[in-house]
Amino acid sequence: AQWYERRVREAVVSTQSTGLFRVLSKRRLLSGTKSLTNLAKKSDTRFLPLPTFSEVGSELVDRVRAAGTGHFLHLTGQYYDHDSTLTRNLIVRAGKTLDSDFIPEVIMDAALTEAEMKMVTNILVDTKECRFVSGGEVNGVGSEDWDHGYLLGTTFGLFSKHGSILRQDTKNRTLMHLSSRESGPLGGKLWLKDVENVFVDLSSKPWSTQTLGVKTQQDRLKLLEVEDVWCDAAEEEEGAGLEPSHEELGELMLRTEWVVKAAAQLVYLTSVNRFNNARVPLYVPKLVSAEANPWVEMRDSLWRDGVKFKLEKSRKDYVP
């Protein structure tokens, strides 16, 4: 995450473009368009610094023990721009196991260096109350509040602050369980072999609602909806029909970053559990595609560079 976000900043500076930098920096948000000015007024908390490891690290073990034995999540956020050497990290207790619905309990929310992130993982592993650790990401940009997350590792899942939404069966990896609140027409079960495509939808400008879902033979199922905290109905009506500005395209890329990554993880999971690993299509709105949004094109290029970087590093580190 740090490598990727550092490359984003380097790319913005090297191209001498101010559009995305306005989006990433509160100081420049105020010089943007009217919608971005309104956005800056609403999202001051997005740029407030989080506690550092030196402030909360000594309390982590006690907090984990106080939370009780269970499955813990080590999650990262999106674009923590207060300090380029730091990444937002959350430690969350997800119940005793991931075999049932859970309500996430935040143990720590802090900005850490890469070395401190490894230290935190080691602390969790060495604490007897921690039965297992899973990674993942939440959708909060900077230090703003988050409301959704996804899990990575041995078990994939989607969750909100109110509880789990979709979790992978720990014994049968081709089966996903929908929470009791989201069971819908599938009766609480989603077989990966039945998924025909994964999709991301956006509401009309200013794109206040993001939807992640899957299409099966039986239904077009919405798994989650992310409500944008910066938008309201009046702004949506006012902005309807207008073409997005360069700055708005950059902001849209940032605001949809998490939901697109969550969709991509679901595509991968579904594809590897199908016959012959047949790839499941991912459909995203035009405005968050590389063809229509130059910031998405830049981001996707950096993602590809990141994969290449990791592959090259793994070859160098490989000892026959």
Protein backbone atom coordinates (compact mmCIF):
# COMPACT_ATOMS: atom_id res chain seq x y z
CA ALA A 1 0.00 0.00 0.00
CA GLN A 2 2.81 2.43 0.86
CA TRP A 3 4.68 1.66 -2.37
CA TYR A 4 1.56 2.20 -4.46
CA GLU A 5 0.51 5.45 -2.81
CA ARG A 6 4.07 6.79 -3.02
CA ARG A 7 4.08 6.05 -6.75
CA VAL A 8 0.75 7.89 -7.14
CA ARG A 9 2.27 11.00 -5.60
CA GLU A 10 5.43 10.67 -7.72
CA ALA A 11 3.37 10.30 -10.88
CA VAL A 12 1.33 13.39 -10.06
CA VAL A 13 4.45 15.47 -9.42
CA SER A 14 6.35 14.15 -12.45
CA THR A 15 3.51 15.01 -14.83
CA GLN A 16 3.19 18.48 -13.22
CA SER A 17 -0.55 17.95 -13.04
CA THR A 18 -2.50 19.59 -10.23
CA GLY A 19 -5.84 17.84 -10.66
CA LEU A 20 -5.27 14.77 -8.51
CA PHE A 21 -3.01 16.69 -6.15
CA ARG A 22 -5.97 18.98 -5.40
CA VAL A 23 -7.91 15.87 -4.54
CA LEU A 24 -5.17 14.49 -2.29
CA SER A 25 -4.35 17.72 -0.50
CA LYS A 26 -6.69 19.78 1.66
CA ARG A 27 -4.70 22.93 0.92
CA ARG A 28 -5.48 22.65 -2.77
CA LEU A 29 -9.02 21.37 -2.43
CA LEU A 30 -10.09 24.91 -1.58
CA SER A 31 -8.82 26.20 -4.94
CA GLY A 32 -10.86 23.69 -6.95
CA THR A 33 -14.35 23.82 -8.39
CA LYS A 34 -17.53 24.62 -6.43
CA SER A 35 -18.27 20.98 -5.80
CA LEU A 36 -14.76 20.38 -4.48
CA THR A 37 -15.01 23.46 -2.28
CA ASN A 38 -18.19 22.04 -0.76
CA LEU A 39 -16.42 18.71 -0.44
CA ALA A 40 -13.55 20.29 1.50
CA LYS A 41 -15.97 21.93 3.92
CA LYS A 42 -17.66 18.59 4.60
CA SER A 43 -14.58 16.40 4.91
CA ASP A 44 -12.20 18.16 7.31
CA THR A 45 -11.85 14.92 9.30
CA ARG A 46 -10.46 13.25 6.21
CA PHE A 47 -7.15 15.07 6.68
CA LEU A 48 -6.73 14.96 10.45
CA PRO A 49 -3.68 12.97 11.61
CA LEU A 50 -4.28 9.64 13.30
CA PRO A 51 -2.44 8.44 16.43
CA THR A 52 1.00 6.97 15.77
CA PHE A 53 2.49 3.70 16.99
CA SER A 54 4.47 5.50 19.69
CA GLU A 55 1.17 6.76 21.10
CA VAL A 56 -0.90 3.56 21.02
CA GLY A 57 1.52 0.67 20.48
CA SER A 58 2.17 0.07 24.18
CA GLU A 59 -1.57 -0.38 24.80
CA LEU A 60 -2.20 -2.86 21.97
CA VAL A 61 -1.62 -6.08 23.92
CA ASP A 62 -3.87 -4.94 26.77
CA ARG A 63 -6.59 -3.95 24.31
CA VAL A 64 -6.44 -7.31 22.53
CA ARG A 65 -6.62 -9.18 25.83
CA ALA A 66 -9.53 -7.04 26.99
CA ALA A 67 -11.41 -7.80 23.76
CA GLY A 68 -11.17 -11.52 24.44
CA THR A 69 -10.18 -14.61 22.49
CA GLY A 70 -11.15 -14.49 18.82
CA HIS A 71 -10.30 -13.89 15.19
CA PHE A 72 -8.59 -10.54 14.59
CA LEU A 73 -8.31 -8.48 11.41
CA HIS A 74 -5.33 -6.31 10.44
CA LEU A 75 -6.79 -3.84 7.96
CA THR A 76 -5.45 -0.86 6.00
CA GLY A 77 -7.27 2.26 4.78
CA GLN A 78 -7.15 4.29 1.57
CA TYR A 79 -4.79 7.20 0.83
CA TYR A 80 -3.54 8.33 4.20
CA ASP A 81 -2.00 11.57 2.92
CA HIS A 82 -0.97 13.23 6.18
CA ASP A 83 2.50 11.63 5.97
CA SER A 84 3.83 9.74 2.95
CA THR A 85 5.75 7.27 5.14
CA LEU A 86 2.65 6.18 7.05
CA THR A 87 -0.33 3.96 6.25
CA ARG A 88 -3.61 3.82 8.13
CA ASN A 89 -3.93 0.54 10.06
CA LEU A 90 -6.87 -0.86 11.99
CA ILE A 91 -6.94 -3.83 14.33
CA VAL A 92 -10.45 -5.27 14.55
CA ARG A 93 -11.86 -8.21 16.48
CA ALA A 94 -14.29 -10.18 14.30
CA GLY A 95 -15.86 -12.47 16.86
CA LYS A 96 -14.55 -15.82 18.04
CA THR A 97 -14.33 -17.22 14.50
CA LEU A 98 -15.30 -16.30 10.94
CA ASP A 99 -17.68 -19.27 10.77
CA SER A 100 -20.64 -17.10 11.74
CA ASP A 101 -21.86 -13.54 11.40
CA PHE A 102 -19.83 -11.03 13.37
CA ILE A 103 -19.94 -7.37 14.38
CA PRO A 104 -16.46 -5.78 14.06
CA GLU A 105 -14.93 -4.29 17.21
CA VAL A 106 -12.17 -1.75 16.54
CA ILE A 107 -9.18 -2.26 18.85
CA MET A 108 -6.76 0.20 17.23
CA ASP A 109 -6.89 2.84 14.48
CA ALA A 110 -3.48 4.39 13.89
CA ALA A 111 -0.95 5.51 11.27
CA LEU A 112 2.04 3.14 11.02
CA THR A 113 5.26 2.79 9.08
CA GLU A 114 5.92 -0.41 7.14
CA ALA A 115 8.19 -1.70 9.92
CA GLU A 116 5.56 -0.91 12.56
CA MET A 117 2.93 -2.77 10.54
CA LYS A 118 5.06 -5.93 10.78
CA MET A 119 5.56 -5.34 14.50
CA VAL A 120 1.79 -5.10 15.03
CA THR A 121 1.22 -8.36 13.16
CA ASN A 122 3.87 -10.07 15.30
CA ILE A 123 2.27 -8.69 18.48
CA LEU A 124 -1.08 -10.13 17.45
CA VAL A 125 0.37 -13.53 16.58
CA ASP A 126 2.21 -13.69 19.92
CA THR A 127 -0.89 -12.80 21.97
CA LYS A 128 -2.69 -15.94 23.12
CA GLU A 129 -6.12 -14.32 22.79
CA CYS A 130 -5.55 -13.99 19.04
CA ARG A 131 -6.56 -17.29 17.44
CA PHE A 132 -6.02 -16.11 13.87
CA VAL A 133 -5.16 -12.95 11.91
CA SER A 134 -6.65 -11.99 8.53
CA GLY A 135 -5.73 -9.01 6.37
CA GLY A 136 -7.94 -6.72 4.35
CA GLU A 137 -8.92 -3.12 3.63
CA VAL A 138 -11.56 -0.62 4.74
CA ASN A 139 -13.02 2.10 2.54
CA GLY A 140 -12.13 5.15 4.67
CA VAL A 141 -10.04 7.68 2.71
CA GLY A 142 -7.34 9.38 4.77
CA SER A 143 -8.49 9.49 8.39
CA GLU A 144 -12.21 9.75 7.64
CA ASP A 145 -14.73 7.34 9.08
CA TRP A 146 -15.10 3.96 7.33
CA ASP A 147 -18.23 1.87 6.90
CA HIS A 148 -17.22 -1.16 4.79
CA GLY A 149 -14.31 -3.55 4.48
CA TYR A 150 -13.18 -6.77 2.84
CA LEU A 151 -11.01 -9.66 4.01
CA LEU A 152 -8.03 -11.19 2.26
CA GLY A 153 -6.10 -14.37 2.88
CA THR A 154 -7.44 -17.81 3.63
CA THR A 155 -11.05 -16.62 3.81
CA PHE A 156 -12.61 -13.82 1.74
CA GLY A 157 -15.43 -11.74 3.12
CA LEU A 158 -17.31 -8.45 2.96
CA PHE A 159 -18.47 -6.63 6.07
CA SER A 160 -19.76 -3.31 7.32
CA LYS A 161 -19.57 -1.61 10.70
CA HIS A 162 -22.87 -3.29 11.49
CA GLY A 163 -21.70 -6.83 10.77
CA SER A 164 -20.65 -9.37 8.16
CA ILE A 165 -22.28 -9.28 4.72
CA LEU A 166 -20.64 -12.11 2.80
CA ARG A 167 -18.23 -14.74 4.14
CA GLN A 168 -16.54 -17.71 2.58
CA ASP A 169 -17.26 -21.17 3.95
CA THR A 170 -14.12 -22.38 5.72
CA LYS A 171 -14.69 -25.99 4.67
CA ASN A 172 -16.13 -25.55 1.16
CA ARG A 173 -14.39 -22.63 -0.57
CA THR A 174 -16.88 -22.64 -3.45
CA LEU A 175 -19.68 -21.60 -1.09
CA MET A 176 -20.31 -18.07 0.24
CA HIS A 177 -22.68 -17.37 3.11
CA LEU A 178 -24.82 -14.22 3.10
CA SER A 179 -25.56 -12.76 6.51
CA SER A 180 -29.05 -13.21 7.90
CA ARG A 181 -29.77 -9.56 7.06
CA GLU A 182 -28.75 -10.03 3.43
CA SER A 183 -30.05 -13.54 2.68
CA GLY A 184 -32.57 -12.43 0.05
CA PRO A 185 -33.75 -14.73 -2.73
CA LEU A 186 -30.69 -17.00 -2.55
CA GLY A 187 -31.64 -18.27 0.88
CA GLY A 188 -28.40 -17.13 2.46
CA LYS A 189 -26.10 -19.07 0.13
CA LEU A 190 -24.10 -18.00 -2.93
CA TRP A 191 -22.33 -20.72 -4.92
CA LEU A 192 -19.34 -19.29 -6.78
CA LYS A 193 -20.00 -21.57 -9.76
CA ASP A 194 -23.32 -19.74 -10.25
CA VAL A 195 -21.76 -16.26 -10.51
CA GLU A 196 -21.91 -15.03 -14.10
CA ASN A 197 -20.35 -11.60 -13.52
CA VAL A 198 -19.39 -9.07 -10.85
CA PHE A 199 -20.50 -5.46 -11.20
CA VAL A 200 -20.02 -1.99 -9.70
CA ASP A 201 -22.77 0.61 -10.15
CA LEU A 202 -22.85 4.34 -9.41
CA SER A 203 -25.79 6.65 -8.86
CA SER A 204 -26.05 9.80 -10.98
CA LYS A 205 -23.78 12.79 -10.40
CA PRO A 206 -22.32 13.42 -7.83
CA TRP A 207 -22.25 9.62 -7.49
CA SER A 208 -23.40 9.47 -3.89
CA THR A 209 -24.09 5.70 -3.91
CA GLN A 210 -21.71 2.93 -4.95
CA THR A 211 -23.07 -0.59 -5.36
CA LEU A 212 -21.15 -3.88 -5.48
CA GLY A 213 -22.99 -6.96 -6.66
CA VAL A 214 -23.01 -10.20 -8.61
CA LYS A 215 -25.25 -11.62 -11.31
CA THR A 216 -26.32 -15.24 -11.08
CA GLN A 217 -28.72 -17.27 -13.17
CA GLN A 218 -31.40 -16.63 -10.57
CA ASP A 219 -30.91 -12.99 -9.70
CA ARG A 220 -28.90 -9.78 -9.90
CA LEU A 221 -27.81 -9.54 -6.29
CA LYS A 222 -26.60 -6.32 -4.61
CA LEU A 223 -24.09 -7.31 -1.96
CA LEU A 224 -23.50 -3.86 -0.50
CA GLU A 225 -24.14 -0.15 -1.05
CA VAL A 226 -21.70 2.54 0.04
CA GLU A 227 -23.30 5.88 0.77
CA ASP A 228 -20.91 8.79 0.15
CA VAL A 229 -20.75 10.93 3.27
CA TRP A 230 -19.90 14.08 1.27
CA CYS A 231 -22.95 14.07 -0.99
CA ASP A 232 -26.57 15.01 -0.45
CA ALA A 233 -29.74 14.95 -2.54
CA ALA A 234 -29.59 18.68 -3.33
CA GLU A 235 -26.10 18.39 -4.79
CA GLU A 236 -27.10 15.31 -6.78
CA GLU A 237 -30.03 17.18 -8.35
CA GLU A 238 -27.91 20.29 -8.97
CA GLY A 239 -25.11 18.37 -10.69
CA ALA A 240 -27.31 16.13 -12.83
CA GLY A 241 -26.50 16.19 -16.53
CA LEU A 242 -23.18 18.05 -16.22
CA GLU A 243 -19.96 16.53 -17.52
CA PRO A 244 -17.44 15.83 -14.72
CA SER A 245 -14.42 18.13 -14.49
CA HIS A 246 -10.84 16.87 -14.45
CA GLU A 247 -10.75 17.31 -10.67
CA GLU A 248 -14.05 15.49 -10.22
CA LEU A 249 -12.72 12.55 -12.24
CA GLY A 250 -9.76 12.40 -9.86
CA GLU A 251 -12.02 12.56 -6.84
CA LEU A 252 -14.25 9.87 -8.33
CA MET A 253 -11.22 7.60 -8.78
CA LEU A 254 -10.35 8.00 -5.10
CA ARG A 255 -13.92 7.54 -3.89
CA THR A 256 -14.44 4.31 -5.85
CA GLU A 257 -10.99 2.86 -5.13
CA TRP A 258 -12.11 0.50 -2.39
CA VAL A 259 -15.26 -0.81 -4.08
CA VAL A 260 -13.35 -1.53 -7.33
CA LYS A 261 -10.65 -3.41 -5.42
CA ALA A 262 -13.30 -5.37 -3.51
CA ALA A 263 -14.96 -6.27 -6.82
CA ALA A 264 -11.61 -7.36 -8.29
CA GLN A 265 -10.98 -9.63 -5.29
CA LEU A 266 -14.41 -11.19 -5.76
CA VAL A 267 -13.70 -11.72 -9.48
CA TYR A 268 -10.44 -13.49 -8.66
CA LEU A 269 -12.04 -15.65 -5.98
CA THR A 270 -14.91 -16.62 -8.28
CA SER A 271 -12.64 -17.31 -11.26
CA VAL A 272 -10.22 -19.63 -9.43
CA ASN A 273 -13.16 -21.69 -8.13
CA ARG A 274 -14.69 -22.27 -11.56
CA PHE A 275 -14.06 -25.04 -14.05
CA ASN A 276 -10.73 -24.44 -15.87
CA ASN A 277 -10.37 -21.19 -13.87
CA ALA A 278 -12.64 -19.44 -16.40
CA ARG A 279 -12.45 -15.68 -15.80
CA VAL A 280 -15.60 -14.00 -14.54
CA PRO A 281 -16.27 -10.59 -16.17
CA LEU A 282 -16.14 -7.41 -14.09
CA TYR A 283 -18.38 -4.54 -15.19
CA VAL A 284 -17.71 -1.02 -13.92
CA PRO A 285 -19.29 2.33 -14.88
CA LYS A 286 -17.64 4.19 -17.74
CA LEU A 287 -16.47 7.03 -15.48
CA VAL A 288 -14.32 4.67 -13.43
CA SER A 289 -12.82 2.95 -16.48
CA ALA A 290 -9.40 3.69 -17.92
CA GLU A 291 -10.98 4.67 -21.26
CA ALA A 292 -12.96 7.57 -19.80
CA ASN A 293 -10.97 8.59 -16.72
CA PRO A 294 -7.26 9.52 -17.03
CA TRP A 295 -6.72 9.10 -13.28
CA VAL A 296 -8.03 5.53 -13.43
CA GLU A 297 -5.70 4.90 -16.36
CA MET A 298 -2.77 6.17 -14.29
CA ARG A 299 -3.83 4.12 -11.27
CA ASP A 300 -4.22 0.93 -13.31
CA SER A 301 -0.76 1.50 -14.80
CA LEU A 302 0.68 1.82 -11.29
CA TRP A 303 -1.13 -1.34 -10.23
CA ARG A 304 0.49 -3.20 -13.13
CA ASP A 305 3.87 -1.72 -12.20
CA GLY A 306 3.29 -2.87 -8.64
CA VAL A 307 2.65 -6.46 -9.74
CA LYS A 308 5.76 -6.34 -11.93
CA PHE A 309 7.78 -4.90 -9.03
CA LYS A 310 6.67 -7.70 -6.69
CA LEU A 311 7.45 -10.39 -9.27
CA GLU A 312 10.91 -8.99 -9.92
CA LYS A 313 11.59 -8.69 -6.19
CA SER A 314 10.45 -12.26 -5.56
CA ARG A 315 12.82 -13.51 -8.29
CA LYS A 316 15.72 -11.62 -6.73
CA ASP A 317 14.90 -12.95 -3.27
CA TYR A 318 14.52 -16.54 -4.52
CA VAL A 319 17.35 -18.84 -3.47
CA PRO A 320 17.44 -22.22 -5.32
